Amino acid sequence: MAEEQKHAVSELLLTSAGYVATFPAPGLRRTIRHVTGHNAEGKGVFLSTDDGDHHRIIGDKQAIGNIIYSTHQTPADLNGDVDLKYAKENEPGLHVHNGSVCRMIDFGPNVLSPMHRAVSLDYGIVVEGEFKLILDSGEERIMRQGDVCVNRSSAHQWHNISGGGIMPGRMLFVLLDCKPVIANGVALGQELNELEPYYEGR
């Protein structure tokens, strides 16, 4: 990468500092999580209606992650509400070994995420706005509201280009654990880079 390109990328990593202090990000509507269960007769009931148990500011108040739910087993055990207890008491890392994570992220205007990789099978859905998905090969795709990326452990970046880079944007990610991934004869590892302080150790 040429020196001027590196400088442009590093400048983008610093955009919208201070934009996101609470959930939801300014300019985006509040989203509600409904969790269901069963009553004594085995009928479906709503157990809770809220914004989720875990919110984490990312970067210099440039984005916020909202954990919709996470599990630590596949298949998940829903008996005795063990999944509810785990999800409430554990804020997940980037992904959960042998489990799953459903995470919503609100991005400030023009924010570019660091290059990163989760060794998992990820479904990324644009909920609001428009994003550029950039792979470590340099290939790019534009994703608009309702578009879906099936990311099979590729290193990537997200660039929020909503409204030409002046509007916030929102994505929903579902991460499922996978077996080790071998590429070019090498086992891929998780890569967090500048995201490490927000996910490491969890």
C-alpha atoms as a PDB file:
ATOM      1  CA  MET A   1       0.000   0.000   0.000  1.00  0.00           C
ATOM      2  CA  ALA A   2       1.409   3.400  -1.003  1.00  0.00           C
ATOM      3  CA  GLU A   3       2.316   5.842   1.788  1.00  0.00           C
ATOM      4  CA  GLU A   4      -0.490   8.279   0.857  1.00  0.00           C
ATOM      5  CA  GLN A   5      -3.026   5.421   0.912  1.00  0.00           C
ATOM      6  CA  LYS A   6      -1.815   4.340   4.363  1.00  0.00           C
ATOM      7  CA  HIS A   7      -2.212   7.923   5.594  1.00  0.00           C
ATOM      8  CA  ALA A   8      -5.753   8.124   4.159  1.00  0.00           C
ATOM      9  CA  VAL A   9      -6.690   4.858   5.875  1.00  0.00           C
ATOM     10  CA  SER A  10      -5.258   5.983   9.221  1.00  0.00           C
ATOM     11  CA  GLU A  11      -7.197   9.264   8.923  1.00  0.00           C
ATOM     12  CA  LEU A  12     -10.428   7.337   8.266  1.00  0.00           C
ATOM     13  CA  LEU A  13      -9.839   5.236  11.383  1.00  0.00           C
ATOM     14  CA  LEU A  14     -10.115   8.486  13.370  1.00  0.00           C
ATOM     15  CA  THR A  15     -13.381   9.821  11.866  1.00  0.00           C
ATOM     16  CA  SER A  16     -16.444  10.671  13.980  1.00  0.00           C
ATOM     17  CA  ALA A  17     -14.574  10.648  17.296  1.00  0.00           C
ATOM     18  CA  GLY A  18     -17.034  11.459  20.084  1.00  0.00           C
ATOM     19  CA  TYR A  19     -20.125  10.763  17.955  1.00  0.00           C
ATOM     20  CA  VAL A  20     -21.481   7.751  19.892  1.00  0.00           C
ATOM     21  CA  ALA A  21     -21.812   7.985  23.676  1.00  0.00           C
ATOM     22  CA  THR A  22     -24.963   5.929  24.263  1.00  0.00           C
ATOM     23  CA  PHE A  23     -27.180   3.367  22.520  1.00  0.00           C
ATOM     24  CA  PRO A  24     -28.595   4.017  20.008  1.00  0.00           C
ATOM     25  CA  ALA A  25     -26.173   6.183  18.050  1.00  0.00           C
ATOM     26  CA  PRO A  26     -27.546   9.674  17.319  1.00  0.00           C
ATOM     27  CA  GLY A  27     -29.753   9.578  14.228  1.00  0.00           C
ATOM     28  CA  LEU A  28     -30.672   5.891  14.567  1.00  0.00           C
ATOM     29  CA  ARG A  29     -33.881   4.584  16.111  1.00  0.00           C
ATOM     30  CA  ARG A  30     -33.964   2.552  19.290  1.00  0.00           C
ATOM     31  CA  THR A  31     -34.297  -1.163  18.585  1.00  0.00           C
ATOM     32  CA  ILE A  32     -36.032  -3.535  20.960  1.00  0.00           C
ATOM     33  CA  ARG A  33     -35.122  -7.124  21.871  1.00  0.00           C
ATOM     34  CA  HIS A  34     -37.982  -9.507  22.736  1.00  0.00           C
ATOM     35  CA  VAL A  35     -36.972 -12.754  24.485  1.00  0.00           C
ATOM     36  CA  THR A  36     -39.482 -15.615  24.666  1.00  0.00           C
ATOM     37  CA  GLY A  37     -39.865 -18.690  26.842  1.00  0.00           C
ATOM     38  CA  HIS A  38     -42.643 -20.971  28.126  1.00  0.00           C
ATOM     39  CA  ASN A  39     -45.135 -20.830  30.943  1.00  0.00           C
ATOM     40  CA  ALA A  40     -46.113 -23.716  33.244  1.00  0.00           C
ATOM     41  CA  GLU A  41     -48.501 -25.049  30.569  1.00  0.00           C
ATOM     42  CA  GLY A  42     -45.805 -25.082  27.889  1.00  0.00           C
ATOM     43  CA  LYS A  43     -47.261 -22.076  26.069  1.00  0.00           C
ATOM     44  CA  GLY A  44     -44.980 -19.436  24.602  1.00  0.00           C
ATOM     45  CA  VAL A  45     -44.663 -16.220  26.625  1.00  0.00           C
ATOM     46  CA  PHE A  46     -42.522 -13.098  26.493  1.00  0.00           C
ATOM     47  CA  LEU A  47     -39.887 -13.120  29.222  1.00  0.00           C
ATOM     48  CA  SER A  48     -38.383  -9.695  28.573  1.00  0.00           C
ATOM     49  CA  THR A  49     -38.548  -6.664  26.305  1.00  0.00           C
ATOM     50  CA  ASP A  50     -35.455  -4.455  26.433  1.00  0.00           C
ATOM     51  CA  ASP A  51     -32.387  -3.130  24.586  1.00  0.00           C
ATOM     52  CA  GLY A  52     -30.081  -6.056  25.419  1.00  0.00           C
ATOM     53  CA  ASP A  53     -27.791  -6.721  28.370  1.00  0.00           C
ATOM     54  CA  HIS A  54     -24.423  -5.545  27.043  1.00  0.00           C
ATOM     55  CA  HIS A  55     -23.435  -2.327  25.249  1.00  0.00           C
ATOM     56  CA  ARG A  56     -19.829  -1.378  24.528  1.00  0.00           C
ATOM     57  CA  ILE A  57     -18.430   1.858  23.085  1.00  0.00           C
ATOM     58  CA  ILE A  58     -15.812   1.104  20.410  1.00  0.00           C
ATOM     59  CA  GLY A  59     -12.907   3.348  19.455  1.00  0.00           C
ATOM     60  CA  ASP A  60     -12.981   7.021  20.460  1.00  0.00           C
ATOM     61  CA  LYS A  61     -16.801   6.950  20.759  1.00  0.00           C
ATOM     62  CA  GLN A  62     -16.989   6.085  17.052  1.00  0.00           C
ATOM     63  CA  ALA A  63     -19.310   3.066  17.310  1.00  0.00           C
ATOM     64  CA  ILE A  64     -21.275   1.050  19.830  1.00  0.00           C
ATOM     65  CA  GLY A  65     -21.834  -2.699  19.964  1.00  0.00           C
ATOM     66  CA  ASN A  66     -25.168  -3.989  21.265  1.00  0.00           C
ATOM     67  CA  ILE A  67     -25.162  -7.696  22.137  1.00  0.00           C
ATOM     68  CA  ILE A  68     -28.575  -9.078  21.207  1.00  0.00           C
ATOM     69  CA  TYR A  69     -27.711 -12.566  22.545  1.00  0.00           C
ATOM     70  CA  SER A  70     -24.895 -15.073  22.861  1.00  0.00           C
ATOM     71  CA  THR A  71     -24.617 -18.792  23.590  1.00  0.00           C
ATOM     72  CA  HIS A  72     -21.693 -21.003  24.608  1.00  0.00           C
ATOM     73  CA  GLN A  73     -22.968 -24.332  23.266  1.00  0.00           C
ATOM     74  CA  THR A  74     -23.966 -25.784  19.910  1.00  0.00           C
ATOM     75  CA  PRO A  75     -26.673 -26.998  19.947  1.00  0.00           C
ATOM     76  CA  ALA A  76     -27.787 -24.491  22.576  1.00  0.00           C
ATOM     77  CA  ASP A  77     -29.359 -25.848  25.763  1.00  0.00           C
ATOM     78  CA  LEU A  78     -32.565 -23.905  26.472  1.00  0.00           C
ATOM     79  CA  ASN A  79     -33.663 -26.047  29.426  1.00  0.00           C
ATOM     80  CA  GLY A  80     -33.678 -24.586  32.917  1.00  0.00           C
ATOM     81  CA  ASP A  81     -32.941 -21.168  31.361  1.00  0.00           C
ATOM     82  CA  VAL A  82     -29.197 -21.924  31.363  1.00  0.00           C
ATOM     83  CA  ASP A  83     -28.866 -19.983  28.094  1.00  0.00           C
ATOM     84  CA  LEU A  84     -30.568 -16.926  29.597  1.00  0.00           C
ATOM     85  CA  LYS A  85     -28.183 -16.973  32.565  1.00  0.00           C
ATOM     86  CA  TYR A  86     -25.113 -17.282  30.334  1.00  0.00           C
ATOM     87  CA  ALA A  87     -26.232 -14.491  27.978  1.00  0.00           C
ATOM     88  CA  LYS A  88     -26.948 -12.094  30.845  1.00  0.00           C
ATOM     89  CA  GLU A  89     -23.770 -12.764  32.812  1.00  0.00           C
ATOM     90  CA  ASN A  90     -21.260 -12.963  29.930  1.00  0.00           C
ATOM     91  CA  GLU A  91     -20.393 -10.237  27.473  1.00  0.00           C
ATOM     92  CA  PRO A  92     -18.853 -12.183  24.573  1.00  0.00           C
ATOM     93  CA  GLY A  93     -15.578 -11.551  22.805  1.00  0.00           C
ATOM     94  CA  LEU A  94     -15.559 -11.179  19.032  1.00  0.00           C
ATOM     95  CA  HIS A  95     -17.053 -14.675  18.818  1.00  0.00           C
ATOM     96  CA  VAL A  96     -17.680 -17.577  21.220  1.00  0.00           C
ATOM     97  CA  HIS A  97     -15.915 -20.927  20.826  1.00  0.00           C
ATOM     98  CA  ASN A  98     -18.580 -23.640  20.363  1.00  0.00           C
ATOM     99  CA  GLY A  99     -21.264 -20.962  20.570  1.00  0.00           C
ATOM    100  CA  SER A 100     -22.867 -18.019  18.804  1.00  0.00           C
ATOM    101  CA  VAL A 101     -23.092 -14.233  19.016  1.00  0.00           C
ATOM    102  CA  CYS A 102     -25.773 -11.914  17.673  1.00  0.00           C
ATOM    103  CA  ARG A 103     -24.347  -8.379  17.709  1.00  0.00           C
ATOM    104  CA  MET A 104     -25.693  -5.088  16.387  1.00  0.00           C
ATOM    105  CA  ILE A 105     -23.223  -2.272  15.750  1.00  0.00           C
ATOM    106  CA  ASP A 106     -24.065   1.412  15.268  1.00  0.00           C
ATOM    107  CA  PHE A 107     -21.336   3.236  13.303  1.00  0.00           C
ATOM    108  CA  GLY A 108     -20.707   6.974  13.316  1.00  0.00           C
ATOM    109  CA  PRO A 109     -20.565   8.765   9.939  1.00  0.00           C
ATOM    110  CA  ASN A 110     -17.663   7.765   7.660  1.00  0.00           C
ATOM    111  CA  VAL A 111     -16.192   5.395  10.272  1.00  0.00           C
ATOM    112  CA  LEU A 112     -13.787   2.767   8.940  1.00  0.00           C
ATOM    113  CA  SER A 113     -13.226  -0.269  11.150  1.00  0.00           C
ATOM    114  CA  PRO A 114      -9.725  -1.704  11.552  1.00  0.00           C
ATOM    115  CA  MET A 115      -8.897  -4.763   9.446  1.00  0.00           C
ATOM    116  CA  HIS A 116      -9.967  -7.767  11.533  1.00  0.00           C
ATOM    117  CA  ARG A 117     -10.805 -11.453  11.391  1.00  0.00           C
ATOM    118  CA  ALA A 118     -12.946 -13.786  13.502  1.00  0.00           C
ATOM    119  CA  VAL A 119     -12.374 -17.492  12.864  1.00  0.00           C
ATOM    120  CA  SER A 120     -16.087 -18.096  12.525  1.00  0.00           C
ATOM    121  CA  LEU A 121     -18.922 -18.170  10.011  1.00  0.00           C
ATOM    122  CA  ASP A 122     -20.432 -14.684  10.034  1.00  0.00           C
ATOM    123  CA  TYR A 123     -23.654 -13.340   8.564  1.00  0.00           C
ATOM    124  CA  GLY A 124     -23.537  -9.541   8.245  1.00  0.00           C
ATOM    125  CA  ILE A 125     -26.779  -7.705   7.386  1.00  0.00           C
ATOM    126  CA  VAL A 126     -27.099  -3.994   6.644  1.00  0.00           C
ATOM    127  CA  VAL A 127     -29.996  -2.753   8.790  1.00  0.00           C
ATOM    128  CA  GLU A 128     -29.714   0.963   8.091  1.00  0.00           C
ATOM    129  CA  GLY A 129     -27.441   2.895   5.743  1.00  0.00           C
ATOM    130  CA  GLU A 130     -24.801   1.847   3.237  1.00  0.00           C
ATOM    131  CA  PHE A 131     -21.431   0.205   3.810  1.00  0.00           C
ATOM    132  CA  LYS A 132     -18.306  -0.664   1.860  1.00  0.00           C
ATOM    133  CA  LEU A 133     -16.945  -4.115   2.699  1.00  0.00           C
ATOM    134  CA  ILE A 134     -13.173  -4.261   2.127  1.00  0.00           C
ATOM    135  CA  LEU A 135     -11.214  -7.543   2.137  1.00  0.00           C
ATOM    136  CA  ASP A 136      -7.483  -7.848   2.887  1.00  0.00           C
ATOM    137  CA  SER A 137      -6.916  -8.687  -0.803  1.00  0.00           C
ATOM    138  CA  GLY A 138      -8.150  -5.193  -1.670  1.00  0.00           C
ATOM    139  CA  GLU A 139     -11.431  -6.418  -3.166  1.00  0.00           C
ATOM    140  CA  GLU A 140     -14.476  -4.323  -2.223  1.00  0.00           C
ATOM    141  CA  ARG A 141     -18.273  -4.508  -2.399  1.00  0.00           C
ATOM    142  CA  ILE A 142     -20.952  -1.920  -1.611  1.00  0.00           C
ATOM    143  CA  MET A 143     -23.727  -3.203   0.658  1.00  0.00           C
ATOM    144  CA  ARG A 144     -27.074  -1.461   1.013  1.00  0.00           C
ATOM    145  CA  GLN A 145     -30.032  -1.908   3.363  1.00  0.00           C
ATOM    146  CA  GLY A 146     -31.068  -5.568   3.396  1.00  0.00           C
ATOM    147  CA  ASP A 147     -27.871  -6.846   1.743  1.00  0.00           C
ATOM    148  CA  VAL A 148     -26.122  -9.790   3.388  1.00  0.00           C
ATOM    149  CA  CYS A 149     -22.469 -10.860   3.569  1.00  0.00           C
ATOM    150  CA  VAL A 150     -21.583 -14.482   4.306  1.00  0.00           C
ATOM    151  CA  ASN A 151     -18.071 -14.087   5.698  1.00  0.00           C
ATOM    152  CA  ARG A 152     -16.168 -17.366   5.914  1.00  0.00           C
ATOM    153  CA  SER A 153     -13.351 -16.160   8.206  1.00  0.00           C
ATOM    154  CA  SER A 154     -11.990 -13.569   5.746  1.00  0.00           C
ATOM    155  CA  ALA A 155     -10.087 -10.577   7.151  1.00  0.00           C
ATOM    156  CA  HIS A 156     -12.112  -7.457   6.406  1.00  0.00           C
ATOM    157  CA  GLN A 157     -13.025  -3.855   7.194  1.00  0.00           C
ATOM    158  CA  TRP A 158     -16.363  -2.042   7.287  1.00  0.00           C
ATOM    159  CA  HIS A 159     -16.579   1.539   6.007  1.00  0.00           C
ATOM    160  CA  ASN A 160     -19.817   3.382   6.785  1.00  0.00           C
ATOM    161  CA  ILE A 161     -20.531   5.432   3.646  1.00  0.00           C
ATOM    162  CA  SER A 162     -24.181   6.154   4.538  1.00  0.00           C
ATOM    163  CA  GLY A 163     -25.418   9.420   3.028  1.00  0.00           C
ATOM    164  CA  GLY A 164     -22.082   9.924   1.320  1.00  0.00           C
ATOM    165  CA  GLY A 165     -20.285   9.541   4.663  1.00  0.00           C
ATOM    166  CA  ILE A 166     -22.313  12.048   6.685  1.00  0.00           C
ATOM    167  CA  MET A 167     -24.909   9.727   8.268  1.00  0.00           C
ATOM    168  CA  PRO A 168     -24.716   6.997  10.926  1.00  0.00           C
ATOM    169  CA  GLY A 169     -25.245   3.375   9.886  1.00  0.00           C
ATOM    170  CA  ARG A 170     -26.209   0.092  11.532  1.00  0.00           C
ATOM    171  CA  MET A 171     -25.299  -3.537  10.893  1.00  0.00           C
ATOM    172  CA  LEU A 172     -26.397  -6.812  12.462  1.00  0.00           C
ATOM    173  CA  PHE A 173     -23.914  -9.691  12.749  1.00  0.00           C
ATOM    174  CA  VAL A 174     -24.554 -13.336  13.622  1.00  0.00           C
ATOM    175  CA  LEU A 175     -21.310 -15.224  14.343  1.00  0.00           C
ATOM    176  CA  LEU A 176     -21.262 -19.022  14.511  1.00  0.00           C
ATOM    177  CA  ASP A 177     -18.236 -21.057  15.557  1.00  0.00           C
ATOM    178  CA  CYS A 178     -16.519 -23.175  12.917  1.00  0.00           C
ATOM    179  CA  LYS A 179     -13.788 -25.775  12.651  1.00  0.00           C
ATOM    180  CA  PRO A 180     -10.191 -24.522  12.114  1.00  0.00           C
ATOM    181  CA  VAL A 181      -9.808 -22.797   8.744  1.00  0.00           C
ATOM    182  CA  ILE A 182      -6.730 -23.576   6.614  1.00  0.00           C
ATOM    183  CA  ALA A 183      -5.726 -21.095   3.875  1.00  0.00           C
ATOM    184  CA  ASN A 184      -2.562 -21.502   1.809  1.00  0.00           C
ATOM    185  CA  GLY A 185      -1.511 -24.316   4.151  1.00  0.00           C
ATOM    186  CA  VAL A 186      -1.739 -22.140   7.283  1.00  0.00           C
ATOM    187  CA  ALA A 187      -4.364 -22.232  10.043  1.00  0.00           C
ATOM    188  CA  LEU A 188      -6.005 -18.828  10.244  1.00  0.00           C
ATOM    189  CA  GLY A 189      -6.060 -17.049  13.590  1.00  0.00           C
ATOM    190  CA  GLN A 190      -8.216 -14.336  15.052  1.00  0.00           C
ATOM    191  CA  GLU A 191      -6.977 -10.840  14.160  1.00  0.00           C
ATOM    192  CA  LEU A 192      -8.175  -7.890  16.202  1.00  0.00           C
ATOM    193  CA  ASN A 193      -5.553  -5.166  15.617  1.00  0.00           C
ATOM    194  CA  GLU A 194      -6.942  -1.870  17.004  1.00  0.00           C
ATOM    195  CA  LEU A 195     -10.081  -3.716  18.146  1.00  0.00           C
ATOM    196  CA  GLU A 196      -8.119  -5.809  20.660  1.00  0.00           C
ATOM    197  CA  PRO A 197      -8.941  -3.699  23.762  1.00  0.00           C
ATOM    198  CA  TYR A 198     -12.677  -4.143  23.110  1.00  0.00           C
ATOM    199  CA  TYR A 199     -12.764  -7.924  22.645  1.00  0.00           C
ATOM    200  CA  GLU A 200      -9.613  -9.537  24.071  1.00  0.00           C
ATOM    201  CA  GLY A 201      -9.956 -11.600  27.237  1.00  0.00           C
ATOM    202  CA  ARG A 202     -13.686 -12.219  26.913  1.00  0.00           C
END
